[in-house]
C-alpha atoms as a PDB file:
ATOM      1  CA  MET A   1     110.002 -61.437  84.813  1.00  0.00           C
ATOM      2  CA  GLY A   2     112.359 -60.167  82.135  1.00  0.00           C
ATOM      3  CA  SER A   3     111.283 -56.552  82.609  1.00  0.00           C
ATOM      4  CA  GLU A   4     111.746 -56.854  86.400  1.00  0.00           C
ATOM      5  CA  LYS A   5     115.277 -58.163  85.858  1.00  0.00           C
ATOM      6  CA  GLN A   6     116.087 -55.346  83.456  1.00  0.00           C
ATOM      7  CA  GLY A   7     114.762 -52.834  85.982  1.00  0.00           C
ATOM      8  CA  PHE A   8     116.918 -54.338  88.729  1.00  0.00           C
ATOM      9  CA  ILE A   9     119.997 -54.153  86.501  1.00  0.00           C
ATOM     10  CA  TRP A  10     119.243 -50.509  85.612  1.00  0.00           C
ATOM     11  CA  LEU A  11     118.771 -49.526  89.267  1.00  0.00           C
ATOM     12  CA  SER A  12     121.928 -51.396  90.270  1.00  0.00           C
ATOM     13  CA  GLY A  13     123.906 -49.610  87.565  1.00  0.00           C
ATOM     14  CA  LEU A  14     122.531 -46.224  88.637  1.00  0.00           C
ATOM     15  CA  LEU A  15     123.400 -46.936  92.286  1.00  0.00           C
ATOM     16  CA  PHE A  16     126.935 -47.953  91.296  1.00  0.00           C
ATOM     17  CA  LEU A  17     127.327 -44.800  89.209  1.00  0.00           C
ATOM     18  CA  ASN A  18     126.190 -42.563  92.088  1.00  0.00           C
ATOM     19  CA  ILE A  19     128.572 -44.294  94.512  1.00  0.00           C
ATOM     20  CA  PHE A  20     131.395 -43.952  91.971  1.00  0.00           C
ATOM     21  CA  VAL A  21     130.733 -40.229  91.482  1.00  0.00           C
ATOM     22  CA  LEU A  22     130.632 -39.594  95.238  1.00  0.00           C
ATOM     23  CA  SER A  23     133.890 -41.472  95.788  1.00  0.00           C
ATOM     24  CA  THR A  24     135.693 -39.339  93.201  1.00  0.00           C
ATOM     25  CA  ALA A  25     134.103 -35.974  94.043  1.00  0.00           C
ATOM     26  CA  ASP A  26     136.248 -32.945  94.903  1.00  0.00           C
ATOM     27  CA  VAL A  27     135.589 -29.791  96.911  1.00  0.00           C
ATOM     28  CA  HIS A  28     136.235 -26.375  95.309  1.00  0.00           C
ATOM     29  CA  TYR A  29     136.440 -22.911  96.864  1.00  0.00           C
ATOM     30  CA  TYR A  30     135.785 -19.650  95.007  1.00  0.00           C
ATOM     31  CA  GLU A  31     136.096 -16.072  96.260  1.00  0.00           C
ATOM     32  CA  PHE A  32     133.793 -13.550  94.555  1.00  0.00           C
ATOM     33  CA  SER A  33     133.783  -9.814  95.157  1.00  0.00           C
ATOM     34  CA  LEU A  34     130.827  -7.670  94.100  1.00  0.00           C
ATOM     35  CA  GLN A  35     132.189  -4.232  93.210  1.00  0.00           C
ATOM     36  CA  GLU A  36     131.490  -1.118  91.176  1.00  0.00           C
ATOM     37  CA  SER A  37     133.814  -0.932  88.141  1.00  0.00           C
ATOM     38  CA  PRO A  38     134.206   1.512  85.223  1.00  0.00           C
ATOM     39  CA  PHE A  39     133.672   0.053  81.728  1.00  0.00           C
ATOM     40  CA  THR A  40     133.873   1.776  78.340  1.00  0.00           C
ATOM     41  CA  LYS A  41     131.658   0.533  75.509  1.00  0.00           C
ATOM     42  CA  LEU A  42     129.826   2.257  72.664  1.00  0.00           C
ATOM     43  CA  CYS A  43     132.294   5.176  73.038  1.00  0.00           C
ATOM     44  CA  SER A  44     131.176   6.084  76.560  1.00  0.00           C
ATOM     45  CA  THR A  45     132.213   5.091  80.075  1.00  0.00           C
ATOM     46  CA  LYS A  46     129.933   4.193  82.965  1.00  0.00           C
ATOM     47  CA  ILE A  47     130.079   2.413  86.307  1.00  0.00           C
ATOM     48  CA  ILE A  48     128.604  -1.085  86.433  1.00  0.00           C
ATOM     49  CA  LEU A  49     128.265  -3.707  89.132  1.00  0.00           C
ATOM     50  CA  THR A  50     130.672  -6.588  88.504  1.00  0.00           C
ATOM     51  CA  LEU A  51     132.002  -9.728  90.104  1.00  0.00           C
ATOM     52  CA  ASN A  52     135.788  -9.615  90.508  1.00  0.00           C
ATOM     53  CA  GLY A  53     135.864  -6.596  88.217  1.00  0.00           C
ATOM     54  CA  SER A  54     134.948  -8.511  85.060  1.00  0.00           C
ATOM     55  CA  PHE A  55     132.052  -8.536  82.581  1.00  0.00           C
ATOM     56  CA  PRO A  56     130.884 -11.236  82.198  1.00  0.00           C
ATOM     57  CA  GLY A  57     131.865 -12.557  85.619  1.00  0.00           C
ATOM     58  CA  PRO A  58     134.327 -15.362  86.411  1.00  0.00           C
ATOM     59  CA  GLU A  59     133.702 -18.910  85.257  1.00  0.00           C
ATOM     60  CA  ILE A  60     133.193 -21.719  87.760  1.00  0.00           C
ATOM     61  CA  ARG A  61     134.726 -24.933  86.470  1.00  0.00           C
ATOM     62  CA  VAL A  62     134.255 -28.237  88.300  1.00  0.00           C
ATOM     63  CA  ARG A  63     133.354 -31.890  87.713  1.00  0.00           C
ATOM     64  CA  ARG A  64     130.132 -33.823  88.073  1.00  0.00           C
ATOM     65  CA  GLY A  65     129.254 -34.617  91.688  1.00  0.00           C
ATOM     66  CA  ASP A  66     131.664 -32.055  93.171  1.00  0.00           C
ATOM     67  CA  THR A  67     130.858 -29.688  96.036  1.00  0.00           C
ATOM     68  CA  VAL A  68     131.451 -25.976  95.476  1.00  0.00           C
ATOM     69  CA  PHE A  69     131.755 -23.229  98.092  1.00  0.00           C
ATOM     70  CA  VAL A  70     131.389 -19.695  96.711  1.00  0.00           C
ATOM     71  CA  ASN A  71     132.125 -16.920  99.205  1.00  0.00           C
ATOM     72  CA  VAL A  72     130.619 -13.660  97.940  1.00  0.00           C
ATOM     73  CA  HIS A  73     131.801 -10.346  99.441  1.00  0.00           C
ATOM     74  CA  ASN A  74     129.511  -7.432  98.660  1.00  0.00           C
ATOM     75  CA  GLN A  75     131.683  -4.345  98.221  1.00  0.00           C
ATOM     76  CA  GLY A  76     129.059  -2.639  96.079  1.00  0.00           C
ATOM     77  CA  ASN A  77     126.423  -0.080  97.008  1.00  0.00           C
ATOM     78  CA  HIS A  78     123.309  -2.277  96.897  1.00  0.00           C
ATOM     79  CA  ALA A  79     122.128  -5.559  98.392  1.00  0.00           C
ATOM     80  CA  VAL A  80     122.459  -8.410  95.889  1.00  0.00           C
ATOM     81  CA  SER A  81     121.956 -12.180  95.831  1.00  0.00           C
ATOM     82  CA  LEU A  82     123.064 -14.804  93.324  1.00  0.00           C
ATOM     83  CA  LYS A  83     121.041 -17.547  91.680  1.00  0.00           C
ATOM     84  CA  TRP A  84     122.454 -20.833  90.422  1.00  0.00           C
ATOM     85  CA  GLU A  85     120.360 -21.882  87.453  1.00  0.00           C
ATOM     86  CA  GLY A  86     120.045 -25.602  86.736  1.00  0.00           C
ATOM     87  CA  VAL A  87     121.431 -26.853  90.063  1.00  0.00           C
ATOM     88  CA  LYS A  88     118.987 -29.486  91.243  1.00  0.00           C
ATOM     89  CA  GLY A  89     119.634 -29.444  94.985  1.00  0.00           C
ATOM     90  CA  SER A  90     118.499 -26.673  97.316  1.00  0.00           C
ATOM     91  CA  ILE A  91     121.065 -24.016  98.205  1.00  0.00           C
ATOM     92  CA  ASP A  92     120.850 -22.403 101.634  1.00  0.00           C
ATOM     93  CA  GLY A  93     120.624 -18.616 101.550  1.00  0.00           C
ATOM     94  CA  SER A  94     119.879 -18.395  97.830  1.00  0.00           C
ATOM     95  CA  ASN A  95     116.859 -16.170  98.537  1.00  0.00           C
ATOM     96  CA  GLU A  96     118.650 -13.859 100.980  1.00  0.00           C
ATOM     97  CA  LEU A  97     120.196 -10.550  99.961  1.00  0.00           C
ATOM     98  CA  ILE A  98     123.865  -9.932 100.729  1.00  0.00           C
ATOM     99  CA  GLN A  99     123.985  -6.452 102.214  1.00  0.00           C
ATOM    100  CA  PRO A 100     126.794  -4.009 101.318  1.00  0.00           C
ATOM    101  CA  GLY A 101     129.845  -4.669 103.461  1.00  0.00           C
ATOM    102  CA  ARG A 102     128.743  -8.245 104.255  1.00  0.00           C
ATOM    103  CA  ASN A 103     129.545 -11.631 102.778  1.00  0.00           C
ATOM    104  CA  PHE A 104     127.794 -14.957 102.325  1.00  0.00           C
ATOM    105  CA  THR A 105     129.077 -18.406 101.365  1.00  0.00           C
ATOM    106  CA  TYR A 106     126.934 -20.526  99.040  1.00  0.00           C
ATOM    107  CA  LYS A 107     127.347 -24.291  99.349  1.00  0.00           C
ATOM    108  CA  ILE A 108     126.495 -26.020  96.073  1.00  0.00           C
ATOM    109  CA  GLU A 109     126.316 -29.819  96.114  1.00  0.00           C
ATOM    110  CA  LEU A 110     126.231 -31.091  92.551  1.00  0.00           C
ATOM    111  CA  LYS A 111     124.549 -34.353  91.677  1.00  0.00           C
ATOM    112  CA  ASP A 112     124.141 -35.519  88.078  1.00  0.00           C
ATOM    113  CA  GLU A 113     124.247 -32.055  86.461  1.00  0.00           C
ATOM    114  CA  ILE A 114     126.610 -32.063  83.470  1.00  0.00           C
ATOM    115  CA  GLY A 115     127.620 -29.591  80.789  1.00  0.00           C
ATOM    116  CA  THR A 116     127.105 -25.831  80.958  1.00  0.00           C
ATOM    117  CA  LEU A 117     124.937 -24.002  83.482  1.00  0.00           C
ATOM    118  CA  ARG A 118     124.862 -20.341  84.455  1.00  0.00           C
ATOM    119  CA  TRP A 119     124.810 -18.157  87.550  1.00  0.00           C
ATOM    120  CA  HIS A 120     123.496 -14.588  87.808  1.00  0.00           C
ATOM    121  CA  ALA A 121     122.271 -11.894  90.165  1.00  0.00           C
ATOM    122  CA  THR A 122     118.609 -12.266  91.034  1.00  0.00           C
ATOM    123  CA  SER A 123     117.459  -8.710  90.256  1.00  0.00           C
ATOM    124  CA  ALA A 124     117.118  -7.687  86.620  1.00  0.00           C
ATOM    125  CA  TRP A 125     119.278  -4.553  86.828  1.00  0.00           C
ATOM    126  CA  ALA A 126     122.197  -6.401  88.490  1.00  0.00           C
ATOM    127  CA  ALA A 127     121.891  -9.533  86.320  1.00  0.00           C
ATOM    128  CA  ALA A 128     122.582  -7.449  83.201  1.00  0.00           C
ATOM    129  CA  THR A 129     126.250  -7.246  84.264  1.00  0.00           C
ATOM    130  CA  VAL A 130     126.581  -9.821  87.070  1.00  0.00           C
ATOM    131  CA  HIS A 131     126.434 -13.236  85.410  1.00  0.00           C
ATOM    132  CA  GLY A 132     128.727 -16.032  84.311  1.00  0.00           C
ATOM    133  CA  ALA A 133     129.161 -19.655  83.308  1.00  0.00           C
ATOM    134  CA  PHE A 134     129.089 -22.725  85.550  1.00  0.00           C
ATOM    135  CA  VAL A 135     130.892 -25.463  83.604  1.00  0.00           C
ATOM    136  CA  ILE A 136     130.509 -29.034  84.881  1.00  0.00           C
ATOM    137  CA  LEU A 137     132.885 -31.530  83.276  1.00  0.00           C
ATOM    138  CA  PRO A 138     132.550 -35.314  83.438  1.00  0.00           C
ATOM    139  CA  VAL A 139     134.386 -37.168  86.191  1.00  0.00           C
ATOM    140  CA  ALA A 140     138.066 -37.582  85.224  1.00  0.00           C
ATOM    141  CA  THR A 141     137.643 -41.288  84.440  1.00  0.00           C
ATOM    142  CA  GLU A 142     134.276 -40.815  82.725  1.00  0.00           C
ATOM    143  CA  ASP A 143     133.814 -40.654  78.948  1.00  0.00           C
ATOM    144  CA  TYR A 144     131.702 -38.116  77.109  1.00  0.00           C
ATOM    145  CA  PRO A 145     128.580 -39.636  75.470  1.00  0.00           C
ATOM    146  CA  PHE A 146     129.869 -38.194  72.180  1.00  0.00           C
ATOM    147  CA  PRO A 147     133.308 -37.891  70.539  1.00  0.00           C
ATOM    148  CA  ALA A 148     135.699 -36.375  73.063  1.00  0.00           C
ATOM    149  CA  PRO A 149     136.424 -32.685  72.312  1.00  0.00           C
ATOM    150  CA  THR A 150     139.992 -31.462  71.938  1.00  0.00           C
ATOM    151  CA  SER A 151     139.066 -28.187  73.649  1.00  0.00           C
ATOM    152  CA  ASP A 152     136.078 -26.256  74.953  1.00  0.00           C
ATOM    153  CA  GLN A 153     134.788 -22.697  74.933  1.00  0.00           C
ATOM    154  CA  THR A 154     132.019 -20.804  76.702  1.00  0.00           C
ATOM    155  CA  ILE A 155     130.148 -18.089  74.807  1.00  0.00           C
ATOM    156  CA  ILE A 156     127.859 -15.740  76.743  1.00  0.00           C
ATOM    157  CA  LEU A 157     125.402 -13.571  74.822  1.00  0.00           C
ATOM    158  CA  GLY A 158     124.815 -10.412  76.844  1.00  0.00           C
ATOM    159  CA  GLU A 159     123.400  -6.914  76.546  1.00  0.00           C
ATOM    160  CA  TRP A 160     124.727  -3.424  77.169  1.00  0.00           C
ATOM    161  CA  PHE A 161     122.884  -0.295  78.279  1.00  0.00           C
ATOM    162  CA  ARG A 162     124.230   3.228  77.941  1.00  0.00           C
ATOM    163  CA  GLU A 163     122.198   4.334  80.934  1.00  0.00           C
ATOM    164  CA  GLU A 164     123.233   3.609  84.498  1.00  0.00           C
ATOM    165  CA  LEU A 165     121.508   0.515  85.884  1.00  0.00           C
ATOM    166  CA  THR A 166     120.347   0.757  89.501  1.00  0.00           C
ATOM    167  CA  GLU A 167     117.662  -0.671  91.742  1.00  0.00           C
ATOM    168  CA  ALA A 168     115.195   1.578  89.941  1.00  0.00           C
ATOM    169  CA  ASN A 169     115.538  -0.682  86.875  1.00  0.00           C
ATOM    170  CA  GLN A 170     113.856  -3.728  88.390  1.00  0.00           C
ATOM    171  CA  THR A 171     112.695  -4.867  84.948  1.00  0.00           C
ATOM    172  CA  ILE A 172     114.650  -4.853  81.700  1.00  0.00           C
ATOM    173  CA  THR A 173     112.178  -4.415  78.845  1.00  0.00           C
ATOM    174  CA  PRO A 174     112.564  -6.204  75.492  1.00  0.00           C
ATOM    175  CA  GLY A 175     114.514  -4.217  72.947  1.00  0.00           C
ATOM    176  CA  SER A 176     115.690  -1.594  75.455  1.00  0.00           C
ATOM    177  CA  ALA A 177     119.377  -2.600  75.301  1.00  0.00           C
ATOM    178  CA  ASP A 178     121.660  -0.371  73.245  1.00  0.00           C
ATOM    179  CA  ALA A 179     123.841  -3.291  72.107  1.00  0.00           C
ATOM    180  CA  TYR A 180     124.349  -7.000  72.442  1.00  0.00           C
ATOM    181  CA  THR A 181     127.678  -8.546  73.369  1.00  0.00           C
ATOM    182  CA  ILE A 182     129.579 -11.803  72.917  1.00  0.00           C
ATOM    183  CA  ASN A 183     131.627 -12.500  76.049  1.00  0.00           C
ATOM    184  CA  GLY A 184     131.419  -8.801  76.851  1.00  0.00           C
ATOM    185  CA  HIS A 185     132.529  -7.578  73.396  1.00  0.00           C
ATOM    186  CA  PRO A 186     130.058  -5.492  71.306  1.00  0.00           C
ATOM    187  CA  GLY A 187     131.837  -6.268  68.033  1.00  0.00           C
ATOM    188  CA  GLU A 188     132.051  -4.214  64.852  1.00  0.00           C
ATOM    189  CA  THR A 189     128.435  -3.277  64.214  1.00  0.00           C
ATOM    190  CA  TYR A 190     127.817  -0.295  66.518  1.00  0.00           C
ATOM    191  CA  GLY A 191     130.026   2.362  64.909  1.00  0.00           C
ATOM    192  CA  CYS A 192     132.517   2.864  67.758  1.00  0.00           C
ATOM    193  CA  SER A 193     136.138   2.263  66.712  1.00  0.00           C
ATOM    194  CA  ASN A 194     137.173   1.582  70.313  1.00  0.00           C
ATOM    195  CA  ASP A 195     134.810  -1.358  70.759  1.00  0.00           C
ATOM    196  CA  THR A 196     136.408  -4.795  70.919  1.00  0.00           C
ATOM    197  CA  THR A 197     135.413  -7.968  69.081  1.00  0.00           C
ATOM    198  CA  PHE A 198     135.327 -11.475  70.529  1.00  0.00           C
ATOM    199  CA  GLU A 199     137.645 -13.889  68.730  1.00  0.00           C
ATOM    200  CA  MET A 200     137.772 -17.681  69.007  1.00  0.00           C
ATOM    201  CA  GLN A 201     140.847 -19.382  67.554  1.00  0.00           C
ATOM    202  CA  VAL A 202     140.492 -22.934  66.277  1.00  0.00           C
ATOM    203  CA  ASP A 203     142.620 -25.590  64.606  1.00  0.00           C
ATOM    204  CA  TYR A 204     141.495 -27.190  61.378  1.00  0.00           C
ATOM    205  CA  GLU A 205     139.453 -30.337  62.195  1.00  0.00           C
ATOM    206  CA  GLY A 206     139.847 -29.901  65.906  1.00  0.00           C
ATOM    207  CA  LEU A 207     136.674 -30.725  67.845  1.00  0.00           C
ATOM    208  CA  TYR A 208     135.338 -28.023  70.156  1.00  0.00           C
ATOM    209  CA  LEU A 209     132.661 -28.283  72.819  1.00  0.00           C
ATOM    210  CA  VAL A 210     130.976 -24.872  72.991  1.00  0.00           C
ATOM    211  CA  GLY A 211     128.533 -23.861  75.702  1.00  0.00           C
ATOM    212  CA  VAL A 212     126.305 -21.000  74.492  1.00  0.00           C
ATOM    213  CA  ILE A 213     124.466 -19.013  77.182  1.00  0.00           C
ATOM    214  CA  ASN A 214     121.724 -16.459  76.516  1.00  0.00           C
ATOM    215  CA  ALA A 215     122.145 -13.961  79.366  1.00  0.00           C
ATOM    216  CA  VAL A 216     119.889 -11.390  77.667  1.00  0.00           C
ATOM    217  CA  ALA A 217     117.005 -10.793  80.044  1.00  0.00           C
ATOM    218  CA  ASN A 218     113.949 -10.648  77.792  1.00  0.00           C
ATOM    219  CA  GLU A 219     115.048 -11.430  74.263  1.00  0.00           C
ATOM    220  CA  THR A 220     115.261 -14.674  72.323  1.00  0.00           C
ATOM    221  CA  MET A 221     118.662 -14.716  70.631  1.00  0.00           C
ATOM    222  CA  VAL A 222     119.716 -16.346  67.357  1.00  0.00           C
ATOM    223  CA  PHE A 223     123.334 -17.549  67.194  1.00  0.00           C
ATOM    224  CA  ASP A 224     125.296 -18.924  64.251  1.00  0.00           C
ATOM    225  CA  ILE A 225     128.830 -19.322  62.879  1.00  0.00           C
ATOM    226  CA  GLU A 226     129.256 -18.518  59.203  1.00  0.00           C
ATOM    227  CA  ASN A 227     129.548 -21.657  56.994  1.00  0.00           C
ATOM    228  CA  HIS A 228     129.702 -24.013  59.996  1.00  0.00           C
ATOM    229  CA  ARG A 229     127.184 -26.571  61.219  1.00  0.00           C
ATOM    230  CA  LEU A 230     126.650 -27.180  64.915  1.00  0.00           C
ATOM    231  CA  THR A 231     125.860 -30.454  66.667  1.00  0.00           C
ATOM    232  CA  ILE A 232     123.634 -29.994  69.707  1.00  0.00           C
ATOM    233  CA  VAL A 233     124.690 -32.363  72.511  1.00  0.00           C
ATOM    234  CA  GLY A 234     123.242 -30.815  75.664  1.00  0.00           C
ATOM    235  CA  GLN A 235     120.890 -28.264  77.167  1.00  0.00           C
ATOM    236  CA  ASN A 236     120.568 -26.661  80.597  1.00  0.00           C
ATOM    237  CA  GLY A 237     122.840 -29.038  82.485  1.00  0.00           C
ATOM    238  CA  THR A 238     122.102 -32.374  80.835  1.00  0.00           C
ATOM    239  CA  TYR A 239     123.351 -34.172  77.735  1.00  0.00           C
ATOM    240  CA  THR A 240     120.782 -34.930  75.038  1.00  0.00           C
ATOM    241  CA  ASN A 241     120.487 -36.923  71.849  1.00  0.00           C
ATOM    242  CA  ARG A 242     122.597 -35.345  69.126  1.00  0.00           C
ATOM    243  CA  SER A 243     120.952 -33.126  66.522  1.00  0.00           C
ATOM    244  CA  PHE A 244     122.373 -30.926  63.774  1.00  0.00           C
ATOM    245  CA  THR A 245     121.649 -27.301  62.982  1.00  0.00           C
ATOM    246  CA  ASN A 246     123.009 -24.247  61.185  1.00  0.00           C
ATOM    247  CA  SER A 247     121.936 -21.866  63.962  1.00  0.00           C
ATOM    248  CA  LEU A 248     120.709 -21.852  67.555  1.00  0.00           C
ATOM    249  CA  THR A 249     117.605 -20.104  68.869  1.00  0.00           C
ATOM    250  CA  LEU A 250     117.972 -19.512  72.601  1.00  0.00           C
ATOM    251  CA  ALA A 251     115.177 -18.325  74.857  1.00  0.00           C
ATOM    252  CA  PRO A 252     116.123 -15.928  77.687  1.00  0.00           C
ATOM    253  CA  GLY A 253     118.291 -17.827  80.153  1.00  0.00           C
ATOM    254  CA  GLN A 254     118.658 -20.889  77.941  1.00  0.00           C
ATOM    255  CA  VAL A 255     121.970 -22.741  77.666  1.00  0.00           C
ATOM    256  CA  ILE A 256     122.881 -25.074  74.788  1.00  0.00           C
ATOM    257  CA  ASP A 257     126.035 -27.191  74.448  1.00  0.00           C
ATOM    258  CA  VAL A 258     127.198 -27.857  70.885  1.00  0.00           C
ATOM    259  CA  LEU A 259     130.080 -29.557  69.107  1.00  0.00           C
ATOM    260  CA  LEU A 260     131.907 -27.508  66.495  1.00  0.00           C
ATOM    261  CA  LEU A 261     134.120 -29.134  63.854  1.00  0.00           C
ATOM    262  CA  PRO A 262     136.127 -26.453  61.975  1.00  0.00           C
ATOM    263  CA  ASN A 263     136.546 -27.989  58.515  1.00  0.00           C
ATOM    264  CA  GLN A 264     136.357 -25.000  56.160  1.00  0.00           C
ATOM    265  CA  ASN A 265     139.107 -23.235  54.224  1.00  0.00           C
ATOM    266  CA  VAL A 266     141.697 -21.423  56.324  1.00  0.00           C
ATOM    267  CA  GLY A 267     140.614 -17.903  57.179  1.00  0.00           C
ATOM    268  CA  HIS A 268     138.134 -16.233  59.482  1.00  0.00           C
ATOM    269  CA  TYR A 269     134.359 -16.530  59.715  1.00  0.00           C
ATOM    270  CA  TYR A 270     131.810 -14.343  61.468  1.00  0.00           C
ATOM    271  CA  ILE A 271     130.130 -15.445  64.679  1.00  0.00           C
ATOM    272  CA  THR A 272     126.748 -13.705  64.786  1.00  0.00           C
ATOM    273  CA  ALA A 273     124.246 -13.063  67.579  1.00  0.00           C
ATOM    274  CA  ARG A 274     121.035 -11.157  67.028  1.00  0.00           C
ATOM    275  CA  SER A 275     117.706 -10.796  68.744  1.00  0.00           C
ATOM    276  CA  SER A 276     114.719 -12.517  67.160  1.00  0.00           C
ATOM    277  CA  SER A 277     112.961  -9.142  67.192  1.00  0.00           C
ATOM    278  CA  GLY A 278     115.750  -7.738  65.001  1.00  0.00           C
ATOM    279  CA  THR A 279     116.605  -4.873  67.367  1.00  0.00           C
ATOM    280  CA  HIS A 280     120.393  -5.227  67.226  1.00  0.00           C
ATOM    281  CA  ILE A 281     123.051  -7.562  65.863  1.00  0.00           C
ATOM    282  CA  THR A 282     126.585  -8.206  67.097  1.00  0.00           C
ATOM    283  CA  ASN A 283     129.422 -10.300  65.785  1.00  0.00           C
ATOM    284  CA  GLY A 284     132.623 -12.072  66.718  1.00  0.00           C
ATOM    285  CA  ILE A 285     135.245 -13.909  64.694  1.00  0.00           C
ATOM    286  CA  LEU A 286     136.109 -17.592  64.371  1.00  0.00           C
ATOM    287  CA  ARG A 287     139.735 -17.641  63.213  1.00  0.00           C
ATOM    288  CA  TYR A 288     141.628 -20.687  61.967  1.00  0.00           C
ATOM    289  CA  THR A 289     145.191 -21.026  63.238  1.00  0.00           C
ATOM    290  CA  THR A 290     146.150 -24.122  61.233  1.00  0.00           C
ATOM    291  CA  THR A 291     144.887 -25.984  58.183  1.00  0.00           C
ATOM    292  CA  THR A 292     145.687 -29.004  56.079  1.00  0.00           C
ATOM    293  CA  THR A 293     146.524 -29.103  52.383  1.00  0.00           C
ATOM    294  CA  SER A 294     144.955 -31.558  49.973  1.00  0.00           C
ATOM    295  CA  PHE A 295     147.066 -32.935  47.119  1.00  0.00           C
END
């Protein structure tokens, strides 16, 4: 009898939570444009397929239970479709190609997804440059199941190819990339003085929620921040029990949400991403903007 009562209470609470989320849900509209854009990395320039002219693509940022309309205009030269990883409901048209000169509107109805997800082009050659973050925050009146962060940051681990990527490259083979990137920046390790380096600025003892996405097609990536421990709080669109680690190992397509507490001496520390096969390594910088003084 006791277990039946507990089950009834749990179901009642879940029903109330779903009704509460639906009553506070918002509707968001995004306009995406697939287009060919010139980018210079590794001391050479090439044309890549982008969304809204950026690499990585634009971030979608909503709250749990919201509905999202994404209107995609294909101004590129090839038919492309987008995939919304981690979204639990079905999305009409997600398997249909958007032909050049046409557009399609995706309707995404979120349920209990929370944290960081990702979107990307379905074909391997297009996904190398057409991808981005899908950040789902708690409802405005809802608490995090961990200490509330003072700020958040998305980090996307990507790859860069010197060669032109077209429909002929339907598969991206492991180790074939010429560089890895952090939010589109190759960093300091590839010998080109014009390459840029990702930088994340933090305040001493601020608390940062960081969503780390492995957008590298066929490589497991290892991610760490020099002298800083990470607290894992979520994976692939759901919050999890907290665990502590010095580095993250992310399978292709995996997303991990972590808490970062900057509590080291003022200065800068390297953010490092490398493939588990050891093919390439890239870095960024974690830079303190403020600190405290002990007496």
